[in-house]
């Protein structure tokens, strides 16, 4: 099964720390300080890469190391 589908289904994925719809804060990179919800995982190597729906109204690709968990949605 595709990694994005596993993520949406709530399946455990080795190395992926967060779950679909978790509300997160971006702690590094050009979107630092922004917050939003996790939509999907695009890849696992070299680290999980998420699509985050930012409160600003657009999506961004953010590495797991640049994300801090805030709350479950």
PDB file of N, CA and C in Angstrom:
ATOM      1  N   UNK A   1       0.849  -1.177   0.000  1.00  0.00           N
ATOM      2  CA  UNK A   1       0.000   0.000   0.000  1.00  0.00           C
ATOM      3  C   UNK A   1       0.899   1.246   0.000  1.00  0.00           C
ATOM      4  N   UNK A   2       0.472   2.283  -0.676  1.00  0.00           N
ATOM      5  CA  UNK A   2       1.218   3.539  -0.753  1.00  0.00           C
ATOM      6  C   UNK A   2       1.327   4.177   0.628  1.00  0.00           C
ATOM      7  N   UNK A   3       2.471   4.791   0.919  1.00  0.00           N
ATOM      8  CA  UNK A   3       2.714   5.380   2.241  1.00  0.00           C
ATOM      9  C   UNK A   3       1.658   6.415   2.632  1.00  0.00           C
ATOM     10  N   UNK A   4       1.218   7.226   1.676  1.00  0.00           N
ATOM     11  CA  UNK A   4       0.189   8.228   1.966  1.00  0.00           C
ATOM     12  C   UNK A   4      -1.122   7.605   2.389  1.00  0.00           C
ATOM     13  N   UNK A   5      -1.484   6.491   1.772  1.00  0.00           N
ATOM     14  CA  UNK A   5      -2.719   5.790   2.144  1.00  0.00           C
ATOM     15  C   UNK A   5      -2.607   5.166   3.535  1.00  0.00           C
ATOM     16  N   UNK A   6      -1.430   4.620   3.847  1.00  0.00           N
ATOM     17  CA  UNK A   6      -1.202   4.069   5.186  1.00  0.00           C
ATOM     18  C   UNK A   6      -1.344   5.166   6.234  1.00  0.00           C
ATOM     19  N   UNK A   7      -0.769   6.334   5.942  1.00  0.00           N
ATOM     20  CA  UNK A   7      -0.832   7.474   6.849  1.00  0.00           C
ATOM     21  C   UNK A   7      -2.288   7.898   7.073  1.00  0.00           C
ATOM     22  N   UNK A   8      -3.040   8.028   6.001  1.00  0.00           N
ATOM     23  CA  UNK A   8      -4.449   8.420   6.109  1.00  0.00           C
ATOM     24  C   UNK A   8      -5.274   7.399   6.885  1.00  0.00           C
ATOM     25  N   UNK A   9      -4.907   6.131   6.760  1.00  0.00           N
ATOM     26  CA  UNK A   9      -5.626   5.062   7.447  1.00  0.00           C
ATOM     27  C   UNK A   9      -5.234   4.940   8.920  1.00  0.00           C
ATOM     28  N   UNK A  10      -4.244   5.717   9.357  1.00  0.00           N
ATOM     29  CA  UNK A  10      -3.829   5.665  10.750  1.00  0.00           C
ATOM     30  C   UNK A  10      -2.919   4.507  11.083  1.00  0.00           C
ATOM     31  N   UNK A  11      -2.358   3.875  10.061  1.00  0.00           N
ATOM     32  CA  UNK A  11      -1.449   2.742  10.278  1.00  0.00           C
ATOM     33  C   UNK A  11      -0.112   3.220  10.847  1.00  0.00           C
ATOM     34  N   UNK A  12       0.526   2.381  11.651  1.00  0.00           N
ATOM     35  CA  UNK A  12       1.862   2.684  12.158  1.00  0.00           C
ATOM     36  C   UNK A  12       2.844   2.575  10.999  1.00  0.00           C
ATOM     37  N   UNK A  13       3.700   3.585  10.854  1.00  0.00           N
ATOM     38  CA  UNK A  13       4.735   3.590   9.814  1.00  0.00           C
ATOM     39  C   UNK A  13       6.062   3.827  10.520  1.00  0.00           C
ATOM     40  N   UNK A  14       7.012   2.891  10.410  1.00  0.00           N
ATOM     41  CA  UNK A  14       8.292   3.065  11.083  1.00  0.00           C
ATOM     42  C   UNK A  14       8.952   4.401  10.732  1.00  0.00           C
ATOM     43  N   UNK A  15       9.359   5.132  11.771  1.00  0.00           N
ATOM     44  CA  UNK A  15      10.031   6.410  11.583  1.00  0.00           C
ATOM     45  C   UNK A  15       9.116   7.615  11.509  1.00  0.00           C
ATOM     46  N   UNK A  16       7.814   7.392  11.334  1.00  0.00           N
ATOM     47  CA  UNK A  16       6.850   8.490  11.245  1.00  0.00           C
ATOM     48  C   UNK A  16       6.297   8.739  12.650  1.00  0.00           C
ATOM     49  N   UNK A  17       6.567   9.934  13.179  1.00  0.00           N
ATOM     50  CA  UNK A  17       6.206  10.247  14.560  1.00  0.00           C
ATOM     51  C   UNK A  17       4.795  10.785  14.728  1.00  0.00           C
ATOM     52  N   UNK A  18       4.216  11.336  13.674  1.00  0.00           N
ATOM     53  CA  UNK A  18       2.947  12.032  13.784  1.00  0.00           C
ATOM     54  C   UNK A  18       1.841  11.314  13.022  1.00  0.00           C
ATOM     55  N   UNK A  19       0.617  11.753  13.245  1.00  0.00           N
ATOM     56  CA  UNK A  19      -0.543  11.136  12.612  1.00  0.00           C
ATOM     57  C   UNK A  19      -1.313  12.168  11.780  1.00  0.00           C
ATOM     58  N   UNK A  20      -2.143  11.647  10.877  1.00  0.00           N
ATOM     59  CA  UNK A  20      -2.983  12.490  10.029  1.00  0.00           C
ATOM     60  C   UNK A  20      -3.795  13.462  10.891  1.00  0.00           C
ATOM     61  N   UNK A  21      -3.827  14.700  10.470  1.00  0.00           N
ATOM     62  CA  UNK A  21      -4.573  15.782  11.126  1.00  0.00           C
ATOM     63  C   UNK A  21      -3.948  16.284  12.417  1.00  0.00           C
ATOM     64  N   UNK A  22      -2.778  15.751  12.840  1.00  0.00           N
ATOM     65  CA  UNK A  22      -2.124  16.354  13.997  1.00  0.00           C
ATOM     66  C   UNK A  22      -1.878  17.828  13.699  1.00  0.00           C
ATOM     67  N   UNK A  23      -2.084  18.658  14.696  1.00  0.00           N
ATOM     68  CA  UNK A  23      -1.833  20.091  14.576  1.00  0.00           C
ATOM     69  C   UNK A  23      -0.396  20.327  15.029  1.00  0.00           C
ATOM     70  N   UNK A  24       0.396  20.976  14.183  1.00  0.00           N
ATOM     71  CA  UNK A  24       1.826  21.118  14.439  1.00  0.00           C
ATOM     72  C   UNK A  24       2.276  22.564  14.243  1.00  0.00           C
ATOM     73  N   UNK A  25       3.439  22.854  14.789  1.00  0.00           N
ATOM     74  CA  UNK A  25       4.116  24.129  14.562  1.00  0.00           C
ATOM     75  C   UNK A  25       5.387  23.843  13.785  1.00  0.00           C
ATOM     76  N   UNK A  26       5.692  24.694  12.827  1.00  0.00           N
ATOM     77  CA  UNK A  26       6.911  24.560  12.041  1.00  0.00           C
ATOM     78  C   UNK A  26       8.022  25.250  12.824  1.00  0.00           C
ATOM     79  N   UNK A  27       9.109  24.521  13.108  1.00  0.00           N
ATOM     80  CA  UNK A  27      10.186  25.049  13.949  1.00  0.00           C
ATOM     81  C   UNK A  27      11.486  25.274  13.183  1.00  0.00           C
ATOM     82  N   UNK A  28      11.443  25.127  11.869  1.00  0.00           N
ATOM     83  CA  UNK A  28      12.641  25.367  11.074  1.00  0.00           C
ATOM     84  C   UNK A  28      12.283  25.616   9.626  1.00  0.00           C
ATOM     85  N   UNK A  29      13.183  26.284   8.921  1.00  0.00           N
ATOM     86  CA  UNK A  29      12.967  26.526   7.504  1.00  0.00           C
ATOM     87  C   UNK A  29      12.163  27.783   7.232  1.00  0.00           C
ATOM     88  N   UNK A  30      11.780  27.974   5.976  1.00  0.00           N
ATOM     89  CA  UNK A  30      11.116  29.213   5.576  1.00  0.00           C
ATOM     90  C   UNK A  30       9.727  29.424   6.183  1.00  0.00           C
ATOM     91  N   UNK A  31       9.105  28.390   6.686  1.00  0.00           N
ATOM     92  CA  UNK A  31       7.767  28.512   7.280  1.00  0.00           C
ATOM     93  C   UNK A  31       7.814  28.509   8.807  1.00  0.00           C
ATOM     94  N   UNK A  32       9.002  28.715   9.373  1.00  0.00           N
ATOM     95  CA  UNK A  32       9.197  28.684  10.825  1.00  0.00           C
ATOM     96  C   UNK A  32       8.203  29.615  11.519  1.00  0.00           C
ATOM     97  N   UNK A  33       7.542  29.080  12.563  1.00  0.00           N
ATOM     98  CA  UNK A  33       6.560  29.838  13.321  1.00  0.00           C
ATOM     99  C   UNK A  33       5.130  29.622  12.854  1.00  0.00           C
ATOM    100  N   UNK A  34       4.967  29.083  11.649  1.00  0.00           N
ATOM    101  CA  UNK A  34       3.626  28.793  11.129  1.00  0.00           C
ATOM    102  C   UNK A  34       3.071  27.553  11.808  1.00  0.00           C
ATOM    103  N   UNK A  35       1.753  27.439  11.789  1.00  0.00           N
ATOM    104  CA  UNK A  35       1.079  26.259  12.328  1.00  0.00           C
ATOM    105  C   UNK A  35       0.104  25.718  11.297  1.00  0.00           C
ATOM    106  N   UNK A  36      -0.197  24.423  11.442  1.00  0.00           N
ATOM    107  CA  UNK A  36      -1.146  23.810  10.537  1.00  0.00           C
ATOM    108  C   UNK A  36      -1.368  22.352  10.858  1.00  0.00           C
ATOM    109  N   UNK A  37      -2.103  21.673   9.986  1.00  0.00           N
ATOM    110  CA  UNK A  37      -2.464  20.264  10.165  1.00  0.00           C
ATOM    111  C   UNK A  37      -1.764  19.387   9.150  1.00  0.00           C
ATOM    112  N   UNK A  38      -1.367  18.201   9.606  1.00  0.00           N
ATOM    113  CA  UNK A  38      -0.701  17.250   8.719  1.00  0.00           C
ATOM    114  C   UNK A  38      -1.722  16.601   7.799  1.00  0.00           C
ATOM    115  N   UNK A  39      -1.417  16.612   6.506  1.00  0.00           N
ATOM    116  CA  UNK A  39      -2.316  16.072   5.491  1.00  0.00           C
ATOM    117  C   UNK A  39      -1.882  14.688   5.045  1.00  0.00           C
ATOM    118  N   UNK A  40      -0.588  14.539   4.726  1.00  0.00           N
ATOM    119  CA  UNK A  40      -0.085  13.242   4.261  1.00  0.00           C
ATOM    120  C   UNK A  40       1.421  13.172   4.426  1.00  0.00           C
ATOM    121  N   UNK A  41       1.979  11.989   4.179  1.00  0.00           N
ATOM    122  CA  UNK A  41       3.426  11.775   4.128  1.00  0.00           C
ATOM    123  C   UNK A  41       3.771  11.470   2.681  1.00  0.00           C
ATOM    124  N   UNK A  42       4.779  12.174   2.175  1.00  0.00           N
ATOM    125  CA  UNK A  42       5.194  11.976   0.786  1.00  0.00           C
ATOM    126  C   UNK A  42       6.311  10.958   0.635  1.00  0.00           C
ATOM    127  N   UNK A  43       7.240  10.939   1.592  1.00  0.00           N
ATOM    128  CA  UNK A  43       8.378  10.017   1.511  1.00  0.00           C
ATOM    129  C   UNK A  43       8.947   9.790   2.901  1.00  0.00           C
ATOM    130  N   UNK A  44       9.826   8.793   3.008  1.00  0.00           N
ATOM    131  CA  UNK A  44      10.447   8.454   4.291  1.00  0.00           C
ATOM    132  C   UNK A  44      11.942   8.715   4.324  1.00  0.00           C
ATOM    133  N   UNK A  45      12.579   8.881   3.178  1.00  0.00           N
ATOM    134  CA  UNK A  45      14.031   8.975   3.090  1.00  0.00           C
ATOM    135  C   UNK A  45      14.422  10.336   2.556  1.00  0.00           C
ATOM    136  N   UNK A  46      15.349  11.057   3.148  1.00  0.00           N
ATOM    137  CA  UNK A  46      16.166  10.659   4.300  1.00  0.00           C
ATOM    138  C   UNK A  46      15.439  10.754   5.642  1.00  0.00           C
ATOM    139  N   UNK A  47      14.303  11.461   5.655  1.00  0.00           N
ATOM    140  CA  UNK A  47      13.433  11.507   6.825  1.00  0.00           C
ATOM    141  C   UNK A  47      12.012  11.739   6.319  1.00  0.00           C
ATOM    142  N   UNK A  48      11.007  11.459   7.147  1.00  0.00           N
ATOM    143  CA  UNK A  48       9.634  11.683   6.686  1.00  0.00           C
ATOM    144  C   UNK A  48       9.414  13.120   6.216  1.00  0.00           C
ATOM    145  N   UNK A  49       8.739  13.234   5.072  1.00  0.00           N
ATOM    146  CA  UNK A  49       8.390  14.523   4.488  1.00  0.00           C
ATOM    147  C   UNK A  49       6.869  14.602   4.437  1.00  0.00           C
ATOM    148  N   UNK A  50       6.319  15.587   5.133  1.00  0.00           N
ATOM    149  CA  UNK A  50       4.876  15.746   5.254  1.00  0.00           C
ATOM    150  C   UNK A  50       4.369  16.877   4.364  1.00  0.00           C
ATOM    151  N   UNK A  51       3.091  16.798   4.028  1.00  0.00           N
ATOM    152  CA  UNK A  51       2.383  17.955   3.489  1.00  0.00           C
ATOM    153  C   UNK A  51       1.597  18.515   4.663  1.00  0.00           C
ATOM    154  N   UNK A  52       1.826  19.810   4.932  1.00  0.00           N
ATOM    155  CA  UNK A  52       1.154  20.485   6.034  1.00  0.00           C
ATOM    156  C   UNK A  52       0.232  21.551   5.452  1.00  0.00           C
ATOM    157  N   UNK A  53      -1.038  21.503   5.843  1.00  0.00           N
ATOM    158  CA  UNK A  53      -1.983  22.551   5.457  1.00  0.00           C
ATOM    159  C   UNK A  53      -1.836  23.676   6.469  1.00  0.00           C
ATOM    160  N   UNK A  54      -1.175  24.750   6.055  1.00  0.00           N
ATOM    161  CA  UNK A  54      -0.868  25.849   6.953  1.00  0.00           C
ATOM    162  C   UNK A  54      -2.095  26.728   7.196  1.00  0.00           C
ATOM    163  N   UNK A  55      -2.131  27.368   8.361  1.00  0.00           N
ATOM    164  CA  UNK A  55      -3.235  28.278   8.685  1.00  0.00           C
ATOM    165  C   UNK A  55      -3.318  29.423   7.674  1.00  0.00           C
ATOM    166  N   UNK A  56      -2.216  29.720   7.013  1.00  0.00           N
ATOM    167  CA  UNK A  56      -2.186  30.798   6.020  1.00  0.00           C
ATOM    168  C   UNK A  56      -3.013  30.459   4.777  1.00  0.00           C
ATOM    169  N   UNK A  57      -3.442  29.197   4.667  1.00  0.00           N
ATOM    170  CA  UNK A  57      -4.329  28.822   3.578  1.00  0.00           C
ATOM    171  C   UNK A  57      -3.678  28.117   2.417  1.00  0.00           C
ATOM    172  N   UNK A  58      -2.460  27.664   2.585  1.00  0.00           N
ATOM    173  CA  UNK A  58      -1.800  26.905   1.519  1.00  0.00           C
ATOM    174  C   UNK A  58      -1.028  25.739   2.126  1.00  0.00           C
ATOM    175  N   UNK A  59      -0.623  24.809   1.266  1.00  0.00           N
ATOM    176  CA  UNK A  59       0.101  23.616   1.690  1.00  0.00           C
ATOM    177  C   UNK A  59       1.598  23.811   1.515  1.00  0.00           C
ATOM    178  N   UNK A  60       2.378  23.176   2.396  1.00  0.00           N
ATOM    179  CA  UNK A  60       3.830  23.218   2.305  1.00  0.00           C
ATOM    180  C   UNK A  60       4.385  21.835   2.602  1.00  0.00           C
ATOM    181  N   UNK A  61       5.493  21.501   1.957  1.00  0.00           N
ATOM    182  CA  UNK A  61       6.205  20.256   2.229  1.00  0.00           C
ATOM    183  C   UNK A  61       7.220  20.540   3.328  1.00  0.00           C
ATOM    184  N   UNK A  62       7.096  19.798   4.451  1.00  0.00           N
ATOM    185  CA  UNK A  62       7.918  20.062   5.623  1.00  0.00           C
ATOM    186  C   UNK A  62       8.519  18.755   6.141  1.00  0.00           C
ATOM    187  N   UNK A  63       9.831  18.774   6.400  1.00  0.00           N
ATOM    188  CA  UNK A  63      10.524  17.610   6.950  1.00  0.00           C
ATOM    189  C   UNK A  63      10.139  17.413   8.418  1.00  0.00           C
ATOM    190  N   UNK A  64      10.145  16.163   8.852  1.00  0.00           N
ATOM    191  CA  UNK A  64       9.768  15.831  10.226  1.00  0.00           C
ATOM    192  C   UNK A  64      10.607  16.586  11.250  1.00  0.00           C
ATOM    193  N   UNK A  65      11.894  16.790  10.966  1.00  0.00           N
ATOM    194  CA  UNK A  65      12.771  17.482  11.919  1.00  0.00           C
ATOM    195  C   UNK A  65      12.411  18.952  12.095  1.00  0.00           C
ATOM    196  N   UNK A  66      11.573  19.498  11.231  1.00  0.00           N
ATOM    197  CA  UNK A  66      11.166  20.902  11.300  1.00  0.00           C
ATOM    198  C   UNK A  66       9.746  21.056  11.841  1.00  0.00           C
ATOM    199  N   UNK A  67       9.233  19.991  12.489  1.00  0.00           N
ATOM    200  CA  UNK A  67       7.854  19.984  12.990  1.00  0.00           C
ATOM    201  C   UNK A  67       7.856  19.698  14.492  1.00  0.00           C
ATOM    202  N   UNK A  68       6.978  20.426  15.205  1.00  0.00           N
ATOM    203  CA  UNK A  68       6.748  20.163  16.631  1.00  0.00           C
ATOM    204  C   UNK A  68       5.260  19.942  16.833  1.00  0.00           C
ATOM    205  N   UNK A  69       4.915  18.843  17.499  1.00  0.00           N
ATOM    206  CA  UNK A  69       3.522  18.517  17.786  1.00  0.00           C
ATOM    207  C   UNK A  69       2.903  19.563  18.703  1.00  0.00           C
ATOM    208  N   UNK A  70       1.682  19.993  18.394  1.00  0.00           N
ATOM    209  CA  UNK A  70       0.946  20.929  19.244  1.00  0.00           C
ATOM    210  C   UNK A  70      -0.288  20.231  19.835  1.00  0.00           C
ATOM    211  N   UNK A  71      -1.112  19.587  18.974  1.00  0.00           N
ATOM    212  CA  UNK A  71      -2.344  18.958  19.469  1.00  0.00           C
ATOM    213  C   UNK A  71      -2.917  18.001  18.438  1.00  0.00           C
ATOM    214  N   UNK A  72      -3.792  17.113  18.907  1.00  0.00           N
ATOM    215  CA  UNK A  72      -4.587  16.275  18.010  1.00  0.00           C
ATOM    216  C   UNK A  72      -5.765  17.097  17.514  1.00  0.00           C
ATOM    217  N   UNK A  73      -6.128  16.901  16.264  1.00  0.00           N
ATOM    218  CA  UNK A  73      -7.335  17.558  15.739  1.00  0.00           C
ATOM    219  C   UNK A  73      -8.479  16.584  15.721  1.00  0.00           C
TER     220      UNK A  73
END
